PDB file of N, CA and C in Angstrom:
ATOM      1  N   MET A   1      72.659 -47.198  -2.647  1.00  0.00           N
ATOM      2  CA  MET A   1      72.399 -48.604  -2.790  1.00  0.00           C
ATOM      3  C   MET A   1      72.102 -48.940  -4.255  1.00  0.00           C
ATOM      4  N   ALA A   2      71.281 -48.112  -4.892  1.00  0.00           N
ATOM      5  CA  ALA A   2      70.972 -48.342  -6.298  1.00  0.00           C
ATOM      6  C   ALA A   2      72.225 -48.169  -7.149  1.00  0.00           C
ATOM      7  N   ASN A   3      73.071 -47.220  -6.764  1.00  0.00           N
ATOM      8  CA  ASN A   3      74.329 -47.014  -7.502  1.00  0.00           C
ATOM      9  C   ASN A   3      75.223 -48.244  -7.398  1.00  0.00           C
ATOM     10  N   ASP A   4      75.236 -48.882  -6.228  1.00  0.00           N
ATOM     11  CA  ASP A   4      76.021 -50.102  -6.052  1.00  0.00           C
ATOM     12  C   ASP A   4      75.527 -51.197  -6.990  1.00  0.00           C
ATOM     13  N   LEU A   5      74.219 -51.320  -7.112  1.00  0.00           N
ATOM     14  CA  LEU A   5      73.642 -52.332  -7.985  1.00  0.00           C
ATOM     15  C   LEU A   5      74.041 -52.070  -9.429  1.00  0.00           C
ATOM     16  N   PHE A   6      73.883 -50.828  -9.860  1.00  0.00           N
ATOM     17  CA  PHE A   6      74.209 -50.503 -11.254  1.00  0.00           C
ATOM     18  C   PHE A   6      75.696 -50.666 -11.521  1.00  0.00           C
ATOM     19  N   ALA A   7      76.524 -50.286 -10.564  1.00  0.00           N
ATOM     20  CA  ALA A   7      77.970 -50.437 -10.743  1.00  0.00           C
ATOM     21  C   ALA A   7      78.338 -51.919 -10.826  1.00  0.00           C
ATOM     22  N   SER A   8      77.734 -52.721  -9.958  1.00  0.00           N
ATOM     23  CA  SER A   8      78.010 -54.160  -9.982  1.00  0.00           C
ATOM     24  C   SER A   8      77.535 -54.783 -11.283  1.00  0.00           C
ATOM     25  N   LEU A   9      76.343 -54.395 -11.720  1.00  0.00           N
ATOM     26  CA  LEU A   9      75.828 -54.925 -12.984  1.00  0.00           C
ATOM     27  C   LEU A   9      76.723 -54.533 -14.161  1.00  0.00           C
ATOM     28  N   ARG A  10      77.151 -53.300 -14.180  1.00  0.00           N
ATOM     29  CA  ARG A  10      78.035 -52.828 -15.255  1.00  0.00           C
ATOM     30  C   ARG A  10      79.327 -53.649 -15.272  1.00  0.00           C
ATOM     31  N   THR A  11      79.869 -53.876 -14.072  1.00  0.00           N
ATOM     32  CA  THR A  11      81.109 -54.646 -13.979  1.00  0.00           C
ATOM     33  C   THR A  11      80.895 -56.061 -14.480  1.00  0.00           C
ATOM     34  N   TYR A  12      79.814 -56.718 -14.035  1.00  0.00           N
ATOM     35  CA  TYR A  12      79.528 -58.078 -14.487  1.00  0.00           C
ATOM     36  C   TYR A  12      79.234 -58.133 -15.982  1.00  0.00           C
ATOM     37  N   LEU A  13      78.483 -57.156 -16.497  1.00  0.00           N
ATOM     38  CA  LEU A  13      78.185 -57.154 -17.937  1.00  0.00           C
ATOM     39  C   LEU A  13      79.468 -56.998 -18.752  1.00  0.00           C
ATOM     40  N   ASN A  14      80.368 -56.158 -18.284  1.00  0.00           N
ATOM     41  CA  ASN A  14      81.657 -56.004 -18.980  1.00  0.00           C
ATOM     42  C   ASN A  14      82.436 -57.318 -18.961  1.00  0.00           C
ATOM     43  N   LYS A  15      82.403 -58.020 -17.826  1.00  0.00           N
ATOM     44  CA  LYS A  15      83.121 -59.290 -17.722  1.00  0.00           C
ATOM     45  C   LYS A  15      82.465 -60.352 -18.594  1.00  0.00           C
ATOM     46  N   VAL A  16      81.115 -60.322 -18.702  1.00  0.00           N
ATOM     47  CA  VAL A  16      80.415 -61.271 -19.568  1.00  0.00           C
ATOM     48  C   VAL A  16      80.759 -60.980 -21.022  1.00  0.00           C
ATOM     49  N   SER A  17      80.759 -59.709 -21.397  1.00  0.00           N
ATOM     50  CA  SER A  17      81.062 -59.360 -22.791  1.00  0.00           C
ATOM     51  C   SER A  17      82.520 -59.646 -23.135  1.00  0.00           C
ATOM     52  N   ASP A  18      83.415 -59.559 -22.148  1.00  0.00           N
ATOM     53  CA  ASP A  18      84.820 -59.880 -22.383  1.00  0.00           C
ATOM     54  C   ASP A  18      85.082 -61.382 -22.313  1.00  0.00           C
ATOM     55  N   GLY A  19      84.089 -62.150 -21.889  1.00  0.00           N
ATOM     56  CA  GLY A  19      84.229 -63.596 -21.816  1.00  0.00           C
ATOM     57  C   GLY A  19      84.814 -64.071 -20.495  1.00  0.00           C
ATOM     58  N   GLU A  20      85.023 -63.174 -19.565  1.00  0.00           N
ATOM     59  CA  GLU A  20      85.574 -63.571 -18.263  1.00  0.00           C
ATOM     60  C   GLU A  20      84.528 -64.280 -17.397  1.00  0.00           C
ATOM     61  N   ARG A  21      83.281 -63.918 -17.560  1.00  0.00           N
ATOM     62  CA  ARG A  21      82.174 -64.514 -16.788  1.00  0.00           C
ATOM     63  C   ARG A  21      81.112 -65.011 -17.755  1.00  0.00           C
ATOM     64  N   THR A  22      80.333 -65.991 -17.259  1.00  0.00           N
ATOM     65  CA  THR A  22      79.237 -66.503 -18.078  1.00  0.00           C
ATOM     66  C   THR A  22      77.934 -65.824 -17.635  1.00  0.00           C
ATOM     67  N   PRO A  23      76.927 -65.837 -18.500  1.00  0.00           N
ATOM     68  CA  PRO A  23      75.639 -65.276 -18.093  1.00  0.00           C
ATOM     69  C   PRO A  23      75.069 -65.982 -16.857  1.00  0.00           C
ATOM     70  N   ALA A  24      75.323 -67.259 -16.678  1.00  0.00           N
ATOM     71  CA  ALA A  24      74.848 -67.991 -15.504  1.00  0.00           C
ATOM     72  C   ALA A  24      75.503 -67.444 -14.237  1.00  0.00           C
ATOM     73  N   GLU A  25      76.776 -67.120 -14.323  1.00  0.00           N
ATOM     74  CA  GLU A  25      77.463 -66.530 -13.166  1.00  0.00           C
ATOM     75  C   GLU A  25      76.886 -65.151 -12.847  1.00  0.00           C
ATOM     76  N   LEU A  26      76.570 -64.404 -13.884  1.00  0.00           N
ATOM     77  CA  LEU A  26      75.952 -63.089 -13.690  1.00  0.00           C
ATOM     78  C   LEU A  26      74.598 -63.242 -13.005  1.00  0.00           C
ATOM     79  N   ALA A  27      73.786 -64.167 -13.469  1.00  0.00           N
ATOM     80  CA  ALA A  27      72.461 -64.402 -12.883  1.00  0.00           C
ATOM     81  C   ALA A  27      72.593 -64.873 -11.435  1.00  0.00           C
ATOM     82  N   ASN A  28      73.557 -65.759 -11.185  1.00  0.00           N
ATOM     83  CA  ASN A  28      73.776 -66.255  -9.826  1.00  0.00           C
ATOM     84  C   ASN A  28      74.203 -65.111  -8.898  1.00  0.00           C
ATOM     85  N   ALA A  29      75.111 -64.273  -9.348  1.00  0.00           N
ATOM     86  CA  ALA A  29      75.572 -63.139  -8.536  1.00  0.00           C
ATOM     87  C   ALA A  29      74.427 -62.168  -8.276  1.00  0.00           C
ATOM     88  N   LEU A  30      73.606 -61.927  -9.291  1.00  0.00           N
ATOM     89  CA  LEU A  30      72.465 -61.025  -9.139  1.00  0.00           C
ATOM     90  C   LEU A  30      71.450 -61.598  -8.144  1.00  0.00           C
ATOM     91  N   ASN A  31      71.161 -62.884  -8.248  1.00  0.00           N
ATOM     92  CA  ASN A  31      70.231 -63.524  -7.303  1.00  0.00           C
ATOM     93  C   ASN A  31      70.758 -63.448  -5.869  1.00  0.00           C
ATOM     94  N   THR A  32      72.035 -63.678  -5.697  1.00  0.00           N
ATOM     95  CA  THR A  32      72.641 -63.601  -4.362  1.00  0.00           C
ATOM     96  C   THR A  32      72.521 -62.188  -3.812  1.00  0.00           C
ATOM     97  N   TRP A  33      72.820 -61.194  -4.656  1.00  0.00           N
ATOM     98  CA  TRP A  33      72.740 -59.798  -4.228  1.00  0.00           C
ATOM     99  C   TRP A  33      71.307 -59.430  -3.832  1.00  0.00           C
ATOM    100  N   VAL A  34      70.328 -59.862  -4.634  1.00  0.00           N
ATOM    101  CA  VAL A  34      68.926 -59.551  -4.354  1.00  0.00           C
ATOM    102  C   VAL A  34      68.503 -60.193  -3.027  1.00  0.00           C
ATOM    103  N   LYS A  35      68.910 -61.449  -2.805  1.00  0.00           N
ATOM    104  CA  LYS A  35      68.548 -62.128  -1.560  1.00  0.00           C
ATOM    105  C   LYS A  35      69.176 -61.420  -0.359  1.00  0.00           C
ATOM    106  N   GLN A  36      70.441 -61.093  -0.443  1.00  0.00           N
ATOM    107  CA  GLN A  36      71.119 -60.415   0.664  1.00  0.00           C
ATOM    108  C   GLN A  36      70.504 -59.038   0.927  1.00  0.00           C
ATOM    109  N   SER A  37      70.218 -58.315  -0.139  1.00  0.00           N
ATOM    110  CA  SER A  37      69.612 -56.991   0.012  1.00  0.00           C
ATOM    111  C   SER A  37      68.224 -57.095   0.628  1.00  0.00           C
ATOM    112  N   GLY A  38      67.465 -58.100   0.215  1.00  0.00           N
ATOM    113  CA  GLY A  38      66.139 -58.311   0.781  1.00  0.00           C
ATOM    114  C   GLY A  38      66.204 -58.641   2.258  1.00  0.00           C
ATOM    115  N   ASP A  39      67.180 -59.475   2.639  1.00  0.00           N
ATOM    116  CA  ASP A  39      67.339 -59.830   4.046  1.00  0.00           C
ATOM    117  C   ASP A  39      67.711 -58.609   4.884  1.00  0.00           C
ATOM    118  N   VAL A  40      68.603 -57.787   4.359  1.00  0.00           N
ATOM    119  CA  VAL A  40      69.011 -56.575   5.082  1.00  0.00           C
ATOM    120  C   VAL A  40      67.826 -55.621   5.212  1.00  0.00           C
ATOM    121  N   LEU A  41      67.081 -55.457   4.141  1.00  0.00           N
ATOM    122  CA  LEU A  41      65.924 -54.573   4.159  1.00  0.00           C
ATOM    123  C   LEU A  41      64.864 -55.078   5.137  1.00  0.00           C
ATOM    124  N   LYS A  42      64.602 -56.382   5.113  1.00  0.00           N
ATOM    125  CA  LYS A  42      63.626 -56.959   6.036  1.00  0.00           C
ATOM    126  C   LYS A  42      64.063 -56.747   7.481  1.00  0.00           C
ATOM    127  N   SER A  43      65.324 -56.943   7.750  1.00  0.00           N
ATOM    128  CA  SER A  43      65.848 -56.754   9.100  1.00  0.00           C
ATOM    129  C   SER A  43      65.686 -55.307   9.551  1.00  0.00           C
ATOM    130  N   LYS A  44      65.994 -54.374   8.671  1.00  0.00           N
ATOM    131  CA  LYS A  44      65.857 -52.953   9.022  1.00  0.00           C
ATOM    132  C   LYS A  44      64.398 -52.581   9.252  1.00  0.00           C
ATOM    133  N   ILE A  45      63.500 -53.106   8.447  1.00  0.00           N
ATOM    134  CA  ILE A  45      62.074 -52.818   8.613  1.00  0.00           C
ATOM    135  C   ILE A  45      61.579 -53.396   9.936  1.00  0.00           C
ATOM    136  N   ASP A  46      61.949 -54.651  10.225  1.00  0.00           N
ATOM    137  CA  ASP A  46      61.546 -55.271  11.494  1.00  0.00           C
ATOM    138  C   ASP A  46      62.040 -54.465  12.688  1.00  0.00           C
ATOM    139  N   GLU A  47      63.289 -54.028  12.614  1.00  0.00           N
ATOM    140  CA  GLU A  47      63.862 -53.243  13.706  1.00  0.00           C
ATOM    141  C   GLU A  47      63.127 -51.915  13.881  1.00  0.00           C
ATOM    142  N   GLU A  48      62.827 -51.245  12.791  1.00  0.00           N
ATOM    143  CA  GLU A  48      62.134 -49.957  12.870  1.00  0.00           C
ATOM    144  C   GLU A  48      60.707 -50.126  13.396  1.00  0.00           C
ATOM    145  N   VAL A  49      60.025 -51.155  12.937  1.00  0.00           N
ATOM    146  CA  VAL A  49      58.669 -51.417  13.427  1.00  0.00           C
ATOM    147  C   VAL A  49      58.700 -51.719  14.919  1.00  0.00           C
ATOM    148  N   HIS A  50      59.643 -52.548  15.344  1.00  0.00           N
ATOM    149  CA  HIS A  50      59.771 -52.876  16.768  1.00  0.00           C
ATOM    150  C   HIS A  50      60.026 -51.616  17.587  1.00  0.00           C
ATOM    151  N   ASN A  51      60.949 -50.768  17.134  1.00  0.00           N
ATOM    152  CA  ASN A  51      61.247 -49.534  17.871  1.00  0.00           C
ATOM    153  C   ASN A  51      60.029 -48.619  17.951  1.00  0.00           C
ATOM    154  N   THR A  52      59.313 -48.479  16.855  1.00  0.00           N
ATOM    155  CA  THR A  52      58.144 -47.603  16.823  1.00  0.00           C
ATOM    156  C   THR A  52      57.036 -48.143  17.721  1.00  0.00           C
ATOM    157  N   VAL A  53      56.780 -49.428  17.635  1.00  0.00           N
ATOM    158  CA  VAL A  53      55.725 -50.046  18.437  1.00  0.00           C
ATOM    159  C   VAL A  53      56.064 -49.953  19.925  1.00  0.00           C
ATOM    160  N   THR A  54      57.317 -50.184  20.264  1.00  0.00           N
ATOM    161  CA  THR A  54      57.742 -50.091  21.662  1.00  0.00           C
ATOM    162  C   THR A  54      57.592 -48.657  22.161  1.00  0.00           C
ATOM    163  N   ARG A  55      57.984 -47.713  21.343  1.00  0.00           N
ATOM    164  CA  ARG A  55      57.878 -46.300  21.715  1.00  0.00           C
ATOM    165  C   ARG A  55      56.414 -45.907  21.929  1.00  0.00           C
ATOM    166  N   MET A  56      55.505 -46.511  21.181  1.00  0.00           N
ATOM    167  CA  MET A  56      54.078 -46.199  21.308  1.00  0.00           C
ATOM    168  C   MET A  56      53.439 -46.931  22.480  1.00  0.00           C
ATOM    169  N   GLY A  57      54.147 -47.885  23.074  1.00  0.00           N
ATOM    170  CA  GLY A  57      53.633 -48.577  24.248  1.00  0.00           C
ATOM    171  C   GLY A  57      52.854 -49.846  23.948  1.00  0.00           C
ATOM    172  N   PHE A  58      52.934 -50.346  22.727  1.00  0.00           N
ATOM    173  CA  PHE A  58      52.240 -51.576  22.381  1.00  0.00           C
ATOM    174  C   PHE A  58      53.088 -52.778  22.770  1.00  0.00           C
ATOM    175  N   ILE A  59      52.433 -53.931  22.884  1.00  0.00           N
ATOM    176  CA  ILE A  59      53.155 -55.164  23.163  1.00  0.00           C
ATOM    177  C   ILE A  59      52.854 -56.173  22.070  1.00  0.00           C
ATOM    178  N   LYS A  60      53.663 -57.211  22.019  1.00  0.00           N
ATOM    179  CA  LYS A  60      53.463 -58.260  21.017  1.00  0.00           C
ATOM    180  C   LYS A  60      52.269 -59.124  21.396  1.00  0.00           C
ATOM    181  N   ARG A  61      51.693 -59.780  20.421  1.00  0.00           N
ATOM    182  CA  ARG A  61      50.536 -60.640  20.629  1.00  0.00           C
ATOM    183  C   ARG A  61      50.870 -61.754  21.624  1.00  0.00           C
ATOM    184  N   GLU A  62      52.082 -62.327  21.518  1.00  0.00           N
ATOM    185  CA  GLU A  62      52.475 -63.401  22.430  1.00  0.00           C
ATOM    186  C   GLU A  62      52.494 -62.891  23.870  1.00  0.00           C
ATOM    187  N   GLU A  63      53.022 -61.683  24.080  1.00  0.00           N
ATOM    188  CA  GLU A  63      53.068 -61.109  25.421  1.00  0.00           C
ATOM    189  C   GLU A  63      51.658 -60.854  25.943  1.00  0.00           C
ATOM    190  N   PHE A  64      50.782 -60.373  25.064  1.00  0.00           N
ATOM    191  CA  PHE A  64      49.393 -60.139  25.445  1.00  0.00           C
ATOM    192  C   PHE A  64      48.718 -61.448  25.865  1.00  0.00           C
ATOM    193  N   ASP A  65      48.923 -62.495  25.062  1.00  0.00           N
ATOM    194  CA  ASP A  65      48.307 -63.783  25.368  1.00  0.00           C
ATOM    195  C   ASP A  65      48.814 -64.333  26.698  1.00  0.00           C
ATOM    196  N   GLU A  66      50.112 -64.152  26.976  1.00  0.00           N
ATOM    197  CA  GLU A  66      50.661 -64.605  28.259  1.00  0.00           C
ATOM    198  C   GLU A  66      50.025 -63.835  29.417  1.00  0.00           C
ATOM    199  N   LEU A  67      49.920 -62.515  29.264  1.00  0.00           N
ATOM    200  CA  LEU A  67      49.301 -61.698  30.312  1.00  0.00           C
ATOM    201  C   LEU A  67      47.831 -62.062  30.508  1.00  0.00           C
ATOM    202  N   LYS A  68      47.144 -62.313  29.411  1.00  0.00           N
ATOM    203  CA  LYS A  68      45.731 -62.686  29.492  1.00  0.00           C
ATOM    204  C   LYS A  68      45.566 -64.008  30.235  1.00  0.00           C
ATOM    205  N   ALA A  69      46.406 -64.983  29.918  1.00  0.00           N
ATOM    206  CA  ALA A  69      46.337 -66.278  30.600  1.00  0.00           C
ATOM    207  C   ALA A  69      46.640 -66.114  32.086  1.00  0.00           C
ATOM    208  N   GLU A  70      47.624 -65.296  32.408  1.00  0.00           N
ATOM    209  CA  GLU A  70      47.963 -65.058  33.814  1.00  0.00           C
ATOM    210  C   GLU A  70      46.812 -64.361  34.538  1.00  0.00           C
ATOM    211  N   PHE A  71      46.176 -63.417  33.867  1.00  0.00           N
ATOM    212  CA  PHE A  71      45.037 -62.715  34.457  1.00  0.00           C
ATOM    213  C   PHE A  71      43.879 -63.666  34.698  1.00  0.00           C
ATOM    214  N   GLU A  72      43.590 -64.517  33.722  1.00  0.00           N
ATOM    215  CA  GLU A  72      42.505 -65.495  33.884  1.00  0.00           C
ATOM    216  C   GLU A  72      42.802 -66.431  35.055  1.00  0.00           C
ATOM    217  N   LYS A  73      44.052 -66.855  35.183  1.00  0.00           N
ATOM    218  CA  LYS A  73      44.447 -67.711  36.298  1.00  0.00           C
ATOM    219  C   LYS A  73      44.249 -66.973  37.621  1.00  0.00           C
ATOM    220  N   PHE A  74      44.614 -65.707  37.651  1.00  0.00           N
ATOM    221  CA  PHE A  74      44.441 -64.885  38.848  1.00  0.00           C
ATOM    222  C   PHE A  74      42.964 -64.741  39.188  1.00  0.00           C
ATOM    223  N   LYS A  75      42.127 -64.487  38.178  1.00  0.00           N
ATOM    224  CA  LYS A  75      40.687 -64.357  38.402  1.00  0.00           C
ATOM    225  C   LYS A  75      40.093 -65.638  38.963  1.00  0.00           C
ATOM    226  N   ARG A  76      40.497 -66.770  38.409  1.00  0.00           N
ATOM    227  CA  ARG A  76      39.991 -68.053  38.907  1.00  0.00           C
ATOM    228  C   ARG A  76      40.423 -68.273  40.349  1.00  0.00           C
ATOM    229  N   ALA A  77      41.648 -67.916  40.673  1.00  0.00           N
ATOM    230  CA  ALA A  77      42.149 -68.096  42.035  1.00  0.00           C
ATOM    231  C   ALA A  77      41.406 -67.182  43.005  1.00  0.00           C
ATOM    232  N   GLN A  78      41.044 -65.991  42.572  1.00  0.00           N
ATOM    233  CA  GLN A  78      40.321 -65.053  43.432  1.00  0.00           C
ATOM    234  C   GLN A  78      38.857 -65.438  43.581  1.00  0.00           C
ATOM    235  N   SER A  79      38.257 -65.959  42.535  1.00  0.00           N
ATOM    236  CA  SER A  79      36.825 -66.277  42.599  1.00  0.00           C
ATOM    237  C   SER A  79      36.565 -67.575  43.349  1.00  0.00           C
ATOM    238  N   ALA A  80      37.487 -68.495  43.378  1.00  0.00           N
ATOM    239  CA  ALA A  80      37.274 -69.776  44.056  1.00  0.00           C
ATOM    240  C   ALA A  80      37.078 -69.593  45.559  1.00  0.00           C
ATOM    241  N   PRO A  81      37.943 -68.906  46.304  1.00  0.00           N
ATOM    242  CA  PRO A  81      37.720 -68.747  47.746  1.00  0.00           C
ATOM    243  C   PRO A  81      36.504 -67.881  48.062  1.00  0.00           C
ATOM    244  N   SER A  82      36.228 -66.889  47.266  1.00  0.00           N
ATOM    245  CA  SER A  82      35.116 -65.992  47.577  1.00  0.00           C
ATOM    246  C   SER A  82      33.768 -66.664  47.380  1.00  0.00           C
ATOM    247  N   SER A  83      33.676 -67.690  46.558  1.00  0.00           N
ATOM    248  CA  SER A  83      32.395 -68.368  46.357  1.00  0.00           C
ATOM    249  C   SER A  83      32.012 -69.190  47.582  1.00  0.00           C
ATOM    250  N   SER A  84      32.983 -69.668  48.351  1.00  0.00           N
ATOM    251  CA  SER A  84      32.665 -70.432  49.551  1.00  0.00           C
ATOM    252  C   SER A  84      32.540 -69.540  50.775  1.00  0.00           C
ATOM    253  N   ALA A  85      33.005 -68.308  50.684  1.00  0.00           N
ATOM    254  CA  ALA A  85      32.932 -67.373  51.811  1.00  0.00           C
ATOM    255  C   ALA A  85      31.538 -66.766  51.874  1.00  0.00           C
ATOM    256  N   PRO A  86      31.122 -66.269  53.068  1.00  0.00           N
ATOM    257  CA  PRO A  86      29.812 -65.606  53.170  1.00  0.00           C
ATOM    258  C   PRO A  86      29.773 -64.356  52.296  1.00  0.00           C
ATOM    259  N   SER A  87      28.552 -63.935  51.968  1.00  0.00           N
ATOM    260  CA  SER A  87      28.410 -62.802  51.059  1.00  0.00           C
ATOM    261  C   SER A  87      28.891 -61.511  51.682  1.00  0.00           C
ATOM    262  N   SER A  88      28.777 -61.379  52.976  1.00  0.00           N
ATOM    263  CA  SER A  88      29.230 -60.168  53.649  1.00  0.00           C
ATOM    264  C   SER A  88      30.712 -60.294  53.946  1.00  0.00           C
ATOM    265  N   THR A  89      31.476 -59.289  53.578  1.00  0.00           N
ATOM    266  CA  THR A  89      32.907 -59.342  53.811  1.00  0.00           C
ATOM    267  C   THR A  89      33.288 -58.706  55.135  1.00  0.00           C
ATOM    268  N   ALA A  90      32.394 -57.938  55.754  1.00  0.00           N
ATOM    269  CA  ALA A  90      32.694 -57.309  57.031  1.00  0.00           C
ATOM    270  C   ALA A  90      32.569 -58.339  58.144  1.00  0.00           C
ATOM    271  N   PRO A  91      33.502 -58.319  59.100  1.00  0.00           N
ATOM    272  CA  PRO A  91      33.405 -59.286  60.199  1.00  0.00           C
ATOM    273  C   PRO A  91      32.201 -58.950  61.064  1.00  0.00           C
ATOM    274  N   LYS A  92      31.500 -60.004  61.534  1.00  0.00           N
ATOM    275  CA  LYS A  92      30.305 -59.805  62.363  1.00  0.00           C
ATOM    276  C   LYS A  92      30.721 -59.688  63.819  1.00  0.00           C
ATOM    277  N   LYS A  93      30.060 -58.784  64.543  1.00  0.00           N
ATOM    278  CA  LYS A  93      30.312 -58.616  65.970  1.00  0.00           C
ATOM    279  C   LYS A  93      29.403 -59.564  66.735  1.00  0.00           C
ATOM    280  N   SER A  94      29.847 -59.944  67.891  1.00  0.00           N
ATOM    281  CA  SER A  94      29.007 -60.814  68.713  1.00  0.00           C
ATOM    282  C   SER A  94      27.804 -60.030  69.224  1.00  0.00           C
ATOM    283  N   ALA A  95      26.801 -60.745  69.633  1.00  0.00           N
ATOM    284  CA  ALA A  95      25.571 -60.099  70.116  1.00  0.00           C
ATOM    285  C   ALA A  95      25.851 -59.241  71.331  1.00  0.00           C
ATOM    286  N   ALA A  96      26.732 -59.704  72.218  1.00  0.00           N
ATOM    287  CA  ALA A  96      27.059 -58.935  73.422  1.00  0.00           C
ATOM    288  C   ALA A  96      27.776 -57.641  73.061  1.00  0.00           C
ATOM    289  N   ALA A  97      28.642 -57.695  72.085  1.00  0.00           N
ATOM    290  CA  ALA A  97      29.382 -56.503  71.685  1.00  0.00           C
ATOM    291  C   ALA A  97      28.460 -55.499  71.022  1.00  0.00           C
ATOM    292  N   GLN A  98      27.425 -55.976  70.315  1.00  0.00           N
ATOM    293  CA  GLN A  98      26.499 -55.073  69.645  1.00  0.00           C
ATOM    294  C   GLN A  98      25.599 -54.363  70.648  1.00  0.00           C
ATOM    295  N   LYS A  99      25.249 -55.024  71.765  1.00  0.00           N
ATOM    296  CA  LYS A  99      24.353 -54.420  72.758  1.00  0.00           C
ATOM    297  C   LYS A  99      25.057 -53.339  73.569  1.00  0.00           C
ATOM    298  N   LYS A 100      26.333 -53.496  73.829  1.00  0.00           N
ATOM    299  CA  LYS A 100      27.055 -52.525  74.643  1.00  0.00           C
ATOM    300  C   LYS A 100      27.535 -51.387  73.757  1.00  0.00           C
ATOM    301  N   LYS A 101      26.803 -50.334  73.735  1.00  0.00           N
ATOM    302  CA  LYS A 101      27.222 -49.145  73.011  1.00  0.00           C
ATOM    303  C   LYS A 101      27.389 -48.034  74.027  1.00  0.00           C
ATOM    304  N   PRO A 102      28.526 -47.388  74.065  1.00  0.00           N
ATOM    305  CA  PRO A 102      28.696 -46.307  75.037  1.00  0.00           C
ATOM    306  C   PRO A 102      27.813 -45.123  74.665  1.00  0.00           C
ATOM    307  N   ALA A 103      27.364 -44.424  75.669  1.00  0.00           N
ATOM    308  CA  ALA A 103      26.527 -43.257  75.440  1.00  0.00           C
ATOM    309  C   ALA A 103      27.379 -42.161  74.826  1.00  0.00           C
ATOM    310  N   ALA A 104      26.781 -41.423  73.927  1.00  0.00           N
ATOM    311  CA  ALA A 104      27.516 -40.341  73.271  1.00  0.00           C
ATOM    312  C   ALA A 104      27.743 -39.216  74.260  1.00  0.00           C
ATOM    313  N   LYS A 105      28.944 -38.703  74.293  1.00  0.00           N
ATOM    314  CA  LYS A 105      29.262 -37.596  75.199  1.00  0.00           C
ATOM    315  C   LYS A 105      28.792 -36.298  74.580  1.00  0.00           C
ATOM    316  N   LYS A 106      28.317 -35.424  75.406  1.00  0.00           N
ATOM    317  CA  LYS A 106      27.894 -34.122  74.908  1.00  0.00           C
ATOM    318  C   LYS A 106      29.112 -33.232  74.778  1.00  0.00           C
ATOM    319  N   SER A 107      29.127 -32.483  73.708  1.00  0.00           N
ATOM    320  CA  SER A 107      30.242 -31.550  73.552  1.00  0.00           C
ATOM    321  C   SER A 107      30.011 -30.348  74.459  1.00  0.00           C
ATOM    322  N   THR A 108      31.008 -29.511  74.631  1.00  0.00           N
ATOM    323  CA  THR A 108      30.891 -28.358  75.520  1.00  0.00           C
ATOM    324  C   THR A 108      29.854 -27.373  75.021  1.00  0.00           C
ATOM    325  N   THR A 109      29.668 -27.254  73.736  1.00  0.00           N
ATOM    326  CA  THR A 109      28.652 -26.333  73.201  1.00  0.00           C
ATOM    327  C   THR A 109      27.264 -26.860  73.491  1.00  0.00           C
ATOM    328  N   GLN A 110      27.086 -28.183  73.468  1.00  0.00           N
ATOM    329  CA  GLN A 110      25.781 -28.762  73.787  1.00  0.00           C
ATOM    330  C   GLN A 110      25.470 -28.594  75.266  1.00  0.00           C
ATOM    331  N   LYS A 111      26.485 -28.702  76.141  1.00  0.00           N
ATOM    332  CA  LYS A 111      26.265 -28.511  77.580  1.00  0.00           C
ATOM    333  C   LYS A 111      25.851 -27.105  77.892  1.00  0.00           C
ATOM    334  N   LYS A 112      26.481 -26.145  77.224  1.00  0.00           N
ATOM    335  CA  LYS A 112      26.166 -24.731  77.472  1.00  0.00           C
ATOM    336  C   LYS A 112      24.743 -24.402  77.015  1.00  0.00           C
ATOM    337  N   SER A 113      24.346 -24.943  75.872  1.00  0.00           N
ATOM    338  CA  SER A 113      23.009 -24.625  75.367  1.00  0.00           C
ATOM    339  C   SER A 113      21.936 -25.312  76.181  1.00  0.00           C
ATOM    340  N   ALA A 114      22.249 -26.391  76.848  1.00  0.00           N
ATOM    341  CA  ALA A 114      21.278 -27.108  77.684  1.00  0.00           C
ATOM    342  C   ALA A 114      20.993 -26.342  78.970  1.00  0.00           C
ATOM    343  N   ARG A 115      21.882 -25.465  79.452  1.00  0.00           N
ATOM    344  CA  ARG A 115      21.709 -24.737  80.707  1.00  0.00           C
ATOM    345  C   ARG A 115      20.750 -23.657  80.571  1.00  0.00           C
TER     346      ARG A 115
END
């Protein structure tokens, strides 16, 4: 890449010295080359950073903010019904069902030891 720059500069300087190009044209060509090279370099850096960050398992700030907002919405939706519900989450048995408990059966080893 540096060789391309030097070769281009040499070519333009030769054309300026021969009178084929003006110094303004040389400056304009150099500015264009620098801008294009900067854009290409920026693009390559962005791509490499994106690949590395993705490989490491990170997400973008915008994605994080979206997930956070969705989570907050989910939390609000979950907390709203539970605040009006009773504190105990287990269903209550009726009084009649609680009184009727079957007697525990003795196992065969307990029957033998009782004899």
